Amino acid sequence: MEAEWSRVQRQVESYDSQIKKANISIDLAKEQAGELQQQMATAGPNSEAMANAVNRMEKGMDRFSNRLREVVR
């Protein structure tokens, strides 16, 4: 009976260890997800500002191109 109890106890301890490892992995994944969410939140406004800057640059280059054509004529 004691041998059976010891065997069950070892299995329970093994399961406990696996659960602890899984909880640590879950906590790390939560941290990484939180960091990623913060990065995405800050990237949104930055990417919009970059798109606006590119649009302004494109308009400026169009104007320059038109002026250069006029000069060449």
PDB file of N, CA and C in Angstrom:
ATOM      1  N   MET A   1       0.810  -1.188   0.000  1.00  0.00           N
ATOM      2  CA  MET A   1       0.000   0.000   0.000  1.00  0.00           C
ATOM      3  C   MET A   1       0.865   1.269   0.000  1.00  0.00           C
ATOM      4  N   GLU A   2       1.934   1.243   0.801  1.00  0.00           N
ATOM      5  CA  GLU A   2       2.818   2.406   0.870  1.00  0.00           C
ATOM      6  C   GLU A   2       3.541   2.628  -0.453  1.00  0.00           C
ATOM      7  N   ALA A   3       3.884   1.556  -1.138  1.00  0.00           N
ATOM      8  CA  ALA A   3       4.552   1.681  -2.432  1.00  0.00           C
ATOM      9  C   ALA A   3       3.623   2.361  -3.429  1.00  0.00           C
ATOM     10  N   GLU A   4       2.369   1.962  -3.397  1.00  0.00           N
ATOM     11  CA  GLU A   4       1.381   2.580  -4.291  1.00  0.00           C
ATOM     12  C   GLU A   4       1.213   4.062  -3.943  1.00  0.00           C
ATOM     13  N   TRP A   5       1.148   4.376  -2.662  1.00  0.00           N
ATOM     14  CA  TRP A   5       1.020   5.762  -2.213  1.00  0.00           C
ATOM     15  C   TRP A   5       2.225   6.586  -2.677  1.00  0.00           C
ATOM     16  N   SER A   6       3.410   6.038  -2.561  1.00  0.00           N
ATOM     17  CA  SER A   6       4.632   6.741  -2.980  1.00  0.00           C
ATOM     18  C   SER A   6       4.606   7.000  -4.480  1.00  0.00           C
ATOM     19  N   ARG A   7       4.164   6.009  -5.224  1.00  0.00           N
ATOM     20  CA  ARG A   7       4.091   6.164  -6.675  1.00  0.00           C
ATOM     21  C   ARG A   7       3.113   7.282  -7.046  1.00  0.00           C
ATOM     22  N   VAL A   8       1.956   7.286  -6.424  1.00  0.00           N
ATOM     23  CA  VAL A   8       0.957   8.327  -6.684  1.00  0.00           C
ATOM     24  C   VAL A   8       1.507   9.684  -6.261  1.00  0.00           C
ATOM     25  N   GLN A   9       2.180   9.728  -5.119  1.00  0.00           N
ATOM     26  CA  GLN A   9       2.752  10.980  -4.626  1.00  0.00           C
ATOM     27  C   GLN A   9       3.784  11.534  -5.624  1.00  0.00           C
ATOM     28  N   ARG A  10       4.615  10.683  -6.189  1.00  0.00           N
ATOM     29  CA  ARG A  10       5.609  11.118  -7.177  1.00  0.00           C
ATOM     30  C   ARG A  10       4.917  11.674  -8.421  1.00  0.00           C
ATOM     31  N   GLN A  11       3.845  11.014  -8.840  1.00  0.00           N
ATOM     32  CA  GLN A  11       3.101  11.508 -10.000  1.00  0.00           C
ATOM     33  C   GLN A  11       2.490  12.879  -9.719  1.00  0.00           C
ATOM     34  N   VAL A  12       1.936  13.039  -8.535  1.00  0.00           N
ATOM     35  CA  VAL A  12       1.338  14.325  -8.160  1.00  0.00           C
ATOM     36  C   VAL A  12       2.410  15.408  -8.141  1.00  0.00           C
ATOM     37  N   GLU A  13       3.563  15.099  -7.593  1.00  0.00           N
ATOM     38  CA  GLU A  13       4.659  16.065  -7.559  1.00  0.00           C
ATOM     39  C   GLU A  13       5.121  16.410  -8.970  1.00  0.00           C
ATOM     40  N   SER A  14       5.151  15.415  -9.841  1.00  0.00           N
ATOM     41  CA  SER A  14       5.518  15.647 -11.233  1.00  0.00           C
ATOM     42  C   SER A  14       4.515  16.572 -11.901  1.00  0.00           C
ATOM     43  N   TYR A  15       3.226  16.310 -11.662  1.00  0.00           N
ATOM     44  CA  TYR A  15       2.183  17.167 -12.231  1.00  0.00           C
ATOM     45  C   TYR A  15       2.285  18.592 -11.684  1.00  0.00           C
ATOM     46  N   ASP A  16       2.559  18.700 -10.379  1.00  0.00           N
ATOM     47  CA  ASP A  16       2.727  20.027  -9.773  1.00  0.00           C
ATOM     48  C   ASP A  16       3.862  20.789 -10.445  1.00  0.00           C
ATOM     49  N   SER A  17       4.962  20.105 -10.678  1.00  0.00           N
ATOM     50  CA  SER A  17       6.110  20.731 -11.326  1.00  0.00           C
ATOM     51  C   SER A  17       5.763  21.189 -12.734  1.00  0.00           C
ATOM     52  N   GLN A  18       5.065  20.351 -13.461  1.00  0.00           N
ATOM     53  CA  GLN A  18       4.653  20.718 -14.824  1.00  0.00           C
ATOM     54  C   GLN A  18       3.690  21.907 -14.816  1.00  0.00           C
ATOM     55  N   ILE A  19       2.793  21.939 -13.855  1.00  0.00           N
ATOM     56  CA  ILE A  19       1.848  23.054 -13.749  1.00  0.00           C
ATOM     57  C   ILE A  19       2.592  24.350 -13.431  1.00  0.00           C
ATOM     58  N   LYS A  20       3.563  24.286 -12.536  1.00  0.00           N
ATOM     59  CA  LYS A  20       4.346  25.475 -12.197  1.00  0.00           C
ATOM     60  C   LYS A  20       5.087  26.004 -13.418  1.00  0.00           C
ATOM     61  N   LYS A  21       5.692  25.092 -14.183  1.00  0.00           N
ATOM     62  CA  LYS A  21       6.405  25.498 -15.398  1.00  0.00           C
ATOM     63  C   LYS A  21       5.443  26.137 -16.399  1.00  0.00           C
ATOM     64  N   ALA A  22       4.263  25.543 -16.533  1.00  0.00           N
ATOM     65  CA  ALA A  22       3.267  26.084 -17.460  1.00  0.00           C
ATOM     66  C   ALA A  22       2.814  27.471 -17.011  1.00  0.00           C
ATOM     67  N   ASN A  23       2.632  27.669 -15.712  1.00  0.00           N
ATOM     68  CA  ASN A  23       2.232  28.975 -15.195  1.00  0.00           C
ATOM     69  C   ASN A  23       3.304  30.029 -15.450  1.00  0.00           C
ATOM     70  N   ILE A  24       4.551  29.637 -15.315  1.00  0.00           N
ATOM     71  CA  ILE A  24       5.649  30.567 -15.603  1.00  0.00           C
ATOM     72  C   ILE A  24       5.627  30.942 -17.078  1.00  0.00           C
ATOM     73  N   SER A  25       5.430  29.951 -17.928  1.00  0.00           N
ATOM     74  CA  SER A  25       5.359  30.223 -19.369  1.00  0.00           C
ATOM     75  C   SER A  25       4.187  31.142 -19.703  1.00  0.00           C
ATOM     76  N   ILE A  26       3.061  30.914 -19.059  1.00  0.00           N
ATOM     77  CA  ILE A  26       1.885  31.755 -19.292  1.00  0.00           C
ATOM     78  C   ILE A  26       2.151  33.185 -18.842  1.00  0.00           C
ATOM     79  N   ASP A  27       2.787  33.342 -17.688  1.00  0.00           N
ATOM     80  CA  ASP A  27       3.106  34.684 -17.193  1.00  0.00           C
ATOM     81  C   ASP A  27       4.044  35.415 -18.149  1.00  0.00           C
ATOM     82  N   LEU A  28       5.040  34.701 -18.662  1.00  0.00           N
ATOM     83  CA  LEU A  28       5.962  35.317 -19.624  1.00  0.00           C
ATOM     84  C   LEU A  28       5.234  35.714 -20.903  1.00  0.00           C
ATOM     85  N   ALA A  29       4.338  34.855 -21.366  1.00  0.00           N
ATOM     86  CA  ALA A  29       3.571  35.169 -22.572  1.00  0.00           C
ATOM     87  C   ALA A  29       2.678  36.391 -22.344  1.00  0.00           C
ATOM     88  N   LYS A  30       2.101  36.502 -21.151  1.00  0.00           N
ATOM     89  CA  LYS A  30       1.283  37.672 -20.833  1.00  0.00           C
ATOM     90  C   LYS A  30       2.125  38.945 -20.866  1.00  0.00           C
ATOM     91  N   GLU A  31       3.319  38.878 -20.294  1.00  0.00           N
ATOM     92  CA  GLU A  31       4.219  40.041 -20.312  1.00  0.00           C
ATOM     93  C   GLU A  31       4.555  40.444 -21.743  1.00  0.00           C
ATOM     94  N   GLN A  32       4.910  39.460 -22.555  1.00  0.00           N
ATOM     95  CA  GLN A  32       5.269  39.743 -23.941  1.00  0.00           C
ATOM     96  C   GLN A  32       4.080  40.316 -24.702  1.00  0.00           C
ATOM     97  N   ALA A  33       2.896  39.797 -24.440  1.00  0.00           N
ATOM     98  CA  ALA A  33       1.699  40.320 -25.110  1.00  0.00           C
ATOM     99  C   ALA A  33       1.445  41.759 -24.697  1.00  0.00           C
ATOM    100  N   GLY A  34       1.654  42.064 -23.428  1.00  0.00           N
ATOM    101  CA  GLY A  34       1.480  43.428 -22.956  1.00  0.00           C
ATOM    102  C   GLY A  34       2.478  44.380 -23.604  1.00  0.00           C
ATOM    103  N   GLU A  35       3.729  43.941 -23.711  1.00  0.00           N
ATOM    104  CA  GLU A  35       4.753  44.763 -24.357  1.00  0.00           C
ATOM    105  C   GLU A  35       4.418  44.985 -25.828  1.00  0.00           C
ATOM    106  N   LEU A  36       3.973  43.939 -26.484  1.00  0.00           N
ATOM    107  CA  LEU A  36       3.606  44.039 -27.896  1.00  0.00           C
ATOM    108  C   LEU A  36       2.426  44.985 -28.078  1.00  0.00           C
ATOM    109  N   GLN A  37       1.466  44.906 -27.175  1.00  0.00           N
ATOM    110  CA  GLN A  37       0.309  45.795 -27.250  1.00  0.00           C
ATOM    111  C   GLN A  37       0.746  47.253 -27.091  1.00  0.00           C
ATOM    112  N   GLN A  38       1.671  47.511 -26.178  1.00  0.00           N
ATOM    113  CA  GLN A  38       2.182  48.875 -26.002  1.00  0.00           C
ATOM    114  C   GLN A  38       2.903  49.353 -27.256  1.00  0.00           C
ATOM    115  N   GLN A  39       3.703  48.491 -27.849  1.00  0.00           N
ATOM    116  CA  GLN A  39       4.416  48.866 -29.066  1.00  0.00           C
ATOM    117  C   GLN A  39       3.442  49.174 -30.192  1.00  0.00           C
ATOM    118  N   MET A  40       2.399  48.372 -30.302  1.00  0.00           N
ATOM    119  CA  MET A  40       1.416  48.596 -31.356  1.00  0.00           C
ATOM    120  C   MET A  40       0.647  49.899 -31.111  1.00  0.00           C
ATOM    121  N   ALA A  41       0.382  50.194 -29.847  1.00  0.00           N
ATOM    122  CA  ALA A  41      -0.347  51.421 -29.523  1.00  0.00           C
ATOM    123  C   ALA A  41       0.474  52.650 -29.888  1.00  0.00           C
ATOM    124  N   THR A  42       1.786  52.595 -29.669  1.00  0.00           N
ATOM    125  CA  THR A  42       2.624  53.740 -30.012  1.00  0.00           C
ATOM    126  C   THR A  42       2.937  53.776 -31.499  1.00  0.00           C
ATOM    127  N   ALA A  43       2.904  52.636 -32.158  1.00  0.00           N
ATOM    128  CA  ALA A  43       3.217  52.601 -33.587  1.00  0.00           C
ATOM    129  C   ALA A  43       2.097  53.207 -34.421  1.00  0.00           C
ATOM    130  N   GLY A  44       0.862  53.094 -33.975  1.00  0.00           N
ATOM    131  CA  GLY A  44      -0.272  53.620 -34.727  1.00  0.00           C
ATOM    132  C   GLY A  44      -0.124  55.096 -35.051  1.00  0.00           C
ATOM    133  N   PRO A  45      -0.010  55.964 -34.043  1.00  0.00           N
ATOM    134  CA  PRO A  45       0.148  57.391 -34.324  1.00  0.00           C
ATOM    135  C   PRO A  45       1.435  57.704 -35.090  1.00  0.00           C
ATOM    136  N   ASN A  46       2.494  56.980 -34.794  1.00  0.00           N
ATOM    137  CA  ASN A  46       3.760  57.221 -35.494  1.00  0.00           C
ATOM    138  C   ASN A  46       3.653  56.880 -36.971  1.00  0.00           C
ATOM    139  N   SER A  47       2.976  55.781 -37.276  1.00  0.00           N
ATOM    140  CA  SER A  47       2.845  55.395 -38.685  1.00  0.00           C
ATOM    141  C   SER A  47       1.948  56.381 -39.421  1.00  0.00           C
ATOM    142  N   GLU A  48       0.953  56.917 -38.739  1.00  0.00           N
ATOM    143  CA  GLU A  48       0.092  57.918 -39.369  1.00  0.00           C
ATOM    144  C   GLU A  48       0.881  59.194 -39.664  1.00  0.00           C
ATOM    145  N   ALA A  49       1.726  59.596 -38.727  1.00  0.00           N
ATOM    146  CA  ALA A  49       2.553  60.787 -38.931  1.00  0.00           C
ATOM    147  C   ALA A  49       3.516  60.561 -40.094  1.00  0.00           C
ATOM    148  N   MET A  50       4.060  59.353 -40.185  1.00  0.00           N
ATOM    149  CA  MET A  50       4.973  59.033 -41.278  1.00  0.00           C
ATOM    150  C   MET A  50       4.237  59.078 -42.610  1.00  0.00           C
ATOM    151  N   ALA A  51       3.034  58.552 -42.664  1.00  0.00           N
ATOM    152  CA  ALA A  51       2.249  58.569 -43.898  1.00  0.00           C
ATOM    153  C   ALA A  51       1.952  60.005 -44.321  1.00  0.00           C
ATOM    154  N   ASN A  52       1.626  60.860 -43.360  1.00  0.00           N
ATOM    155  CA  ASN A  52       1.378  62.263 -43.676  1.00  0.00           C
ATOM    156  C   ASN A  52       2.630  62.937 -44.222  1.00  0.00           C
ATOM    157  N   ALA A  53       3.764  62.643 -43.622  1.00  0.00           N
ATOM    158  CA  ALA A  53       5.021  63.230 -44.090  1.00  0.00           C
ATOM    159  C   ALA A  53       5.348  62.768 -45.504  1.00  0.00           C
ATOM    160  N   VAL A  54       5.113  61.497 -45.783  1.00  0.00           N
ATOM    161  CA  VAL A  54       5.365  60.972 -47.129  1.00  0.00           C
ATOM    162  C   VAL A  54       4.440  61.645 -48.145  1.00  0.00           C
ATOM    163  N   ASN A  55       3.186  61.843 -47.777  1.00  0.00           N
ATOM    164  CA  ASN A  55       2.251  62.528 -48.677  1.00  0.00           C
ATOM    165  C   ASN A  55       2.693  63.961 -48.966  1.00  0.00           C
ATOM    166  N   ARG A  56       3.135  64.666 -47.927  1.00  0.00           N
ATOM    167  CA  ARG A  56       3.622  66.035 -48.134  1.00  0.00           C
ATOM    168  C   ARG A  56       4.851  66.040 -49.036  1.00  0.00           C
ATOM    169  N   MET A  57       5.746  65.088 -48.823  1.00  0.00           N
ATOM    170  CA  MET A  57       6.949  65.003 -49.646  1.00  0.00           C
ATOM    171  C   MET A  57       6.572  64.716 -51.101  1.00  0.00           C
ATOM    172  N   GLU A  58       5.626  63.824 -51.292  1.00  0.00           N
ATOM    173  CA  GLU A  58       5.191  63.480 -52.651  1.00  0.00           C
ATOM    174  C   GLU A  58       4.617  64.709 -53.356  1.00  0.00           C
ATOM    175  N   LYS A  59       3.803  65.491 -52.665  1.00  0.00           N
ATOM    176  CA  LYS A  59       3.242  66.704 -53.253  1.00  0.00           C
ATOM    177  C   LYS A  59       4.349  67.698 -53.597  1.00  0.00           C
ATOM    178  N   GLY A  60       5.322  67.829 -52.696  1.00  0.00           N
ATOM    179  CA  GLY A  60       6.442  68.730 -52.949  1.00  0.00           C
ATOM    180  C   GLY A  60       7.256  68.294 -54.156  1.00  0.00           C
ATOM    181  N   MET A  61       7.473  67.002 -54.293  1.00  0.00           N
ATOM    182  CA  MET A  61       8.225  66.492 -55.440  1.00  0.00           C
ATOM    183  C   MET A  61       7.443  66.701 -56.742  1.00  0.00           C
ATOM    184  N   ASP A  62       6.130  66.567 -56.691  1.00  0.00           N
ATOM    185  CA  ASP A  62       5.302  66.828 -57.882  1.00  0.00           C
ATOM    186  C   ASP A  62       5.443  68.289 -58.312  1.00  0.00           C
ATOM    187  N   ARG A  63       5.378  69.189 -57.327  1.00  0.00           N
ATOM    188  CA  ARG A  63       5.531  70.615 -57.649  1.00  0.00           C
ATOM    189  C   ARG A  63       6.905  70.897 -58.245  1.00  0.00           C
ATOM    190  N   PHE A  64       7.933  70.316 -57.650  1.00  0.00           N
ATOM    191  CA  PHE A  64       9.293  70.508 -58.147  1.00  0.00           C
ATOM    192  C   PHE A  64       9.416  69.977 -59.572  1.00  0.00           C
ATOM    193  N   SER A  65       8.841  68.794 -59.808  1.00  0.00           N
ATOM    194  CA  SER A  65       8.886  68.186 -61.137  1.00  0.00           C
ATOM    195  C   SER A  65       8.196  69.093 -62.161  1.00  0.00           C
ATOM    196  N   ASN A  66       7.047  69.642 -61.797  1.00  0.00           N
ATOM    197  CA  ASN A  66       6.329  70.544 -62.706  1.00  0.00           C
ATOM    198  C   ASN A  66       7.148  71.803 -62.994  1.00  0.00           C
ATOM    199  N   ARG A  67       7.773  72.360 -61.983  1.00  0.00           N
ATOM    200  CA  ARG A  67       8.592  73.555 -62.179  1.00  0.00           C
ATOM    201  C   ARG A  67       9.784  73.254 -63.088  1.00  0.00           C
ATOM    202  N   LEU A  68      10.383  72.105 -62.859  1.00  0.00           N
ATOM    203  CA  LEU A  68      11.546  71.721 -63.670  1.00  0.00           C
ATOM    204  C   LEU A  68      11.141  71.542 -65.130  1.00  0.00           C
ATOM    205  N   ARG A  69       9.970  70.976 -65.379  1.00  0.00           N
ATOM    206  CA  ARG A  69       9.474  70.844 -66.749  1.00  0.00           C
ATOM    207  C   ARG A  69       9.305  72.206 -67.398  1.00  0.00           C
ATOM    208  N   GLU A  70       8.763  73.146 -66.633  1.00  0.00           N
ATOM    209  CA  GLU A  70       8.567  74.491 -67.167  1.00  0.00           C
ATOM    210  C   GLU A  70       9.906  75.138 -67.497  1.00  0.00           C
ATOM    211  N   VAL A  71      10.886  74.953 -66.669  1.00  0.00           N
ATOM    212  CA  VAL A  71      12.211  75.527 -66.919  1.00  0.00           C
ATOM    213  C   VAL A  71      12.833  74.917 -68.162  1.00  0.00           C
ATOM    214  N   VAL A  72      12.677  73.636 -68.336  1.00  0.00           N
ATOM    215  CA  VAL A  72      13.272  72.936 -69.476  1.00  0.00           C
ATOM    216  C   VAL A  72      12.606  73.389 -70.769  1.00  0.00           C
ATOM    217  N   ARG A  73      11.325  73.679 -70.747  1.00  0.00           N
ATOM    218  CA  ARG A  73      10.635  74.144 -71.963  1.00  0.00           C
ATOM    219  C   ARG A  73      11.194  75.471 -72.339  1.00  0.00           C
TER     220      ARG A  73
END
